[in-house]
Amino acid sequence: MPKWWKIGFVSVLLVTTGALSAYVALQEPTLDEEISAQVAEYADTDYLYWDWADEAVCDLYERCQFIEIYDTARCADQILVPMRLEDVNEDWVAAASTVMRSPGKHGGVLVELGVNRADFEYFAIGDVRCTYALPTGEAGL
């Protein structure tokens, strides 16, 4: 066999082996699980636990709902509370969000959320989380 055939054969063998190794490594399920675990761990640090609160009088808004947000000390800057306004049939009417400065408390903080409109029936609140977004307004703390 000529010398250049041997060089070509070895080169093709090395390239094929390297490509096959990369393909197998990318298909390895443990890599996907590790990445998913890191993403889930990061997401958990941004979300805050909250619960509905029993307050009746709106101070800042025409229509409001009070929630208690826990461990706001985890948020260095601000907190985002996304809301969905729904009608009697629980159909979407509008979306509203509140971005407020984080109180930085380890316990619970009572927060008034609301809007100045009356064409809806229910507040549906999404995941409360830490954010660095621009403030949208004052929230009652």
Protein backbone atom coordinates (compact mmCIF):
# COMPACT_ATOMS: atom_id res chain seq x y z
CA MET A 1 0.00 0.00 0.00
CA PRO A 2 1.44 3.43 -0.90
CA LYS A 3 2.46 5.75 1.96
CA TRP A 4 -0.15 8.43 1.20
CA TRP A 5 -2.91 5.79 1.42
CA LYS A 6 -1.76 4.92 4.93
CA ILE A 7 -1.76 8.61 5.91
CA GLY A 8 -5.23 9.08 4.40
CA PHE A 9 -6.56 5.96 6.10
CA VAL A 10 -5.23 7.01 9.53
CA SER A 11 -6.61 10.56 9.06
CA VAL A 12 -10.08 9.26 8.16
CA LEU A 13 -9.98 6.85 11.09
CA LEU A 14 -9.06 9.63 13.55
CA VAL A 15 -11.69 12.03 12.22
CA THR A 16 -14.39 9.34 12.28
CA THR A 17 -13.47 8.23 15.80
CA GLY A 18 -13.48 11.85 17.04
CA ALA A 19 -16.85 12.57 15.44
CA LEU A 20 -18.33 9.37 16.86
CA SER A 21 -17.04 10.21 20.34
CA ALA A 22 -18.56 13.71 20.16
CA TYR A 23 -21.88 12.27 18.95
CA VAL A 24 -22.01 9.73 21.82
CA ALA A 25 -21.09 12.41 24.38
CA LEU A 26 -23.85 14.71 23.16
CA GLN A 27 -26.40 11.89 23.32
CA GLU A 28 -25.47 11.01 26.91
CA PRO A 29 -28.65 11.47 29.03
CA THR A 30 -26.73 12.47 32.16
CA LEU A 31 -25.59 15.67 30.44
CA ASP A 32 -29.21 16.66 29.78
CA GLU A 33 -30.16 15.86 33.38
CA GLU A 34 -27.30 17.94 34.78
CA ILE A 35 -28.25 20.92 32.60
CA SER A 36 -31.94 20.55 33.55
CA ALA A 37 -31.02 20.38 37.23
CA GLN A 38 -28.94 23.55 36.97
CA VAL A 39 -31.75 25.40 35.18
CA ALA A 40 -34.31 24.21 37.76
CA GLU A 41 -32.02 25.21 40.62
CA TYR A 42 -31.54 28.69 39.14
CA ALA A 43 -35.28 29.13 38.54
CA ASP A 44 -36.09 28.12 42.12
CA THR A 45 -33.90 30.91 43.47
CA ASP A 46 -35.87 33.58 41.59
CA TYR A 47 -39.36 32.49 42.63
CA LEU A 48 -40.95 33.47 45.92
CA TYR A 49 -43.64 31.71 47.90
CA TRP A 50 -46.86 33.71 48.33
CA ASP A 51 -50.39 33.21 49.64
CA TRP A 52 -53.72 35.03 49.45
CA ALA A 53 -54.41 37.44 52.33
CA ASP A 54 -57.75 38.49 53.85
CA GLU A 55 -57.84 42.27 53.52
CA ALA A 56 -60.95 44.08 52.33
CA VAL A 57 -60.18 47.79 51.92
CA CYS A 58 -58.27 49.00 48.87
CA ASP A 59 -55.95 51.91 49.64
CA LEU A 60 -54.18 52.41 46.32
CA TYR A 61 -56.48 50.97 43.64
CA GLU A 62 -60.13 50.96 42.61
CA ARG A 63 -60.11 47.12 42.67
CA CYS A 64 -57.47 45.20 44.58
CA GLN A 65 -56.35 41.91 46.05
CA PHE A 66 -53.96 41.40 48.95
CA ILE A 67 -51.28 38.72 48.99
CA GLU A 68 -48.55 37.88 51.45
CA ILE A 69 -45.09 37.34 49.93
CA TYR A 70 -42.52 35.42 51.96
CA ASP A 71 -38.73 35.73 52.21
CA THR A 72 -38.36 38.84 50.06
CA ALA A 73 -34.80 39.17 51.40
CA ARG A 74 -33.82 36.78 48.58
CA CYS A 75 -34.58 39.58 46.09
CA ALA A 76 -31.81 42.16 46.05
CA ASP A 77 -33.64 44.69 43.91
CA GLN A 78 -37.29 44.26 42.92
CA ILE A 79 -40.21 41.82 42.82
CA LEU A 80 -42.44 41.10 39.81
CA VAL A 81 -46.06 40.02 40.34
CA PRO A 82 -47.82 39.14 37.06
CA MET A 83 -51.63 39.25 37.15
CA ARG A 84 -54.35 38.10 34.82
CA LEU A 85 -57.76 39.76 35.01
CA GLU A 86 -60.65 37.37 34.29
CA ASP A 87 -64.40 37.70 33.82
CA VAL A 88 -67.13 35.64 35.54
CA ASN A 89 -66.43 32.69 33.22
CA GLU A 90 -62.72 32.90 34.09
CA ASP A 91 -61.90 34.09 30.57
CA TRP A 92 -59.03 36.52 30.02
CA VAL A 93 -59.91 40.22 30.14
CA ALA A 94 -56.50 41.86 30.47
CA ALA A 95 -53.01 41.36 31.82
CA ALA A 96 -51.45 43.53 34.49
CA SER A 97 -48.15 43.34 36.35
CA THR A 98 -46.69 45.06 39.36
CA VAL A 99 -42.97 45.60 39.79
CA MET A 100 -42.09 46.84 43.26
CA ARG A 101 -38.98 47.44 45.30
CA SER A 102 -38.13 44.42 47.42
CA PRO A 103 -38.83 45.01 51.13
CA GLY A 104 -35.94 42.67 51.98
CA LYS A 105 -37.75 40.83 54.81
CA HIS A 106 -37.26 37.21 55.86
CA GLY A 107 -40.87 36.78 57.03
CA GLY A 108 -44.10 37.57 55.20
CA VAL A 109 -44.98 40.97 53.72
CA LEU A 110 -48.58 42.02 53.00
CA VAL A 111 -48.91 43.56 49.51
CA GLU A 112 -51.88 45.31 47.88
CA LEU A 113 -52.13 44.52 44.16
CA GLY A 114 -54.72 46.07 41.92
CA VAL A 115 -55.90 48.06 38.95
CA ASN A 116 -58.08 51.11 38.41
CA ARG A 117 -60.73 49.44 36.29
CA ALA A 118 -63.92 47.52 37.08
CA ASP A 119 -64.59 45.46 33.93
CA PHE A 120 -63.42 42.12 35.36
CA GLU A 121 -64.33 39.73 38.16
CA TYR A 122 -61.19 37.88 39.34
CA PHE A 123 -57.47 38.38 39.82
CA ALA A 124 -55.31 35.40 38.81
CA ILE A 125 -51.74 35.80 40.01
CA GLY A 126 -48.80 34.05 38.37
CA ASP A 127 -45.39 33.20 39.78
CA VAL A 128 -44.02 35.91 42.03
CA ARG A 129 -40.30 36.32 41.39
CA CYS A 130 -37.25 38.51 41.78
CA THR A 131 -36.55 40.84 38.86
CA TYR A 132 -34.52 43.79 37.68
CA ALA A 133 -37.28 45.22 35.48
CA LEU A 134 -38.29 48.85 35.52
CA PRO A 135 -40.88 49.66 38.23
CA THR A 136 -44.49 49.91 37.02
CA GLY A 137 -45.97 51.62 40.03
CA GLU A 138 -46.31 51.71 43.76
CA ALA A 139 -47.48 48.63 45.58
CA GLY A 140 -48.83 48.90 49.07
CA LEU A 141 -46.53 47.21 51.56
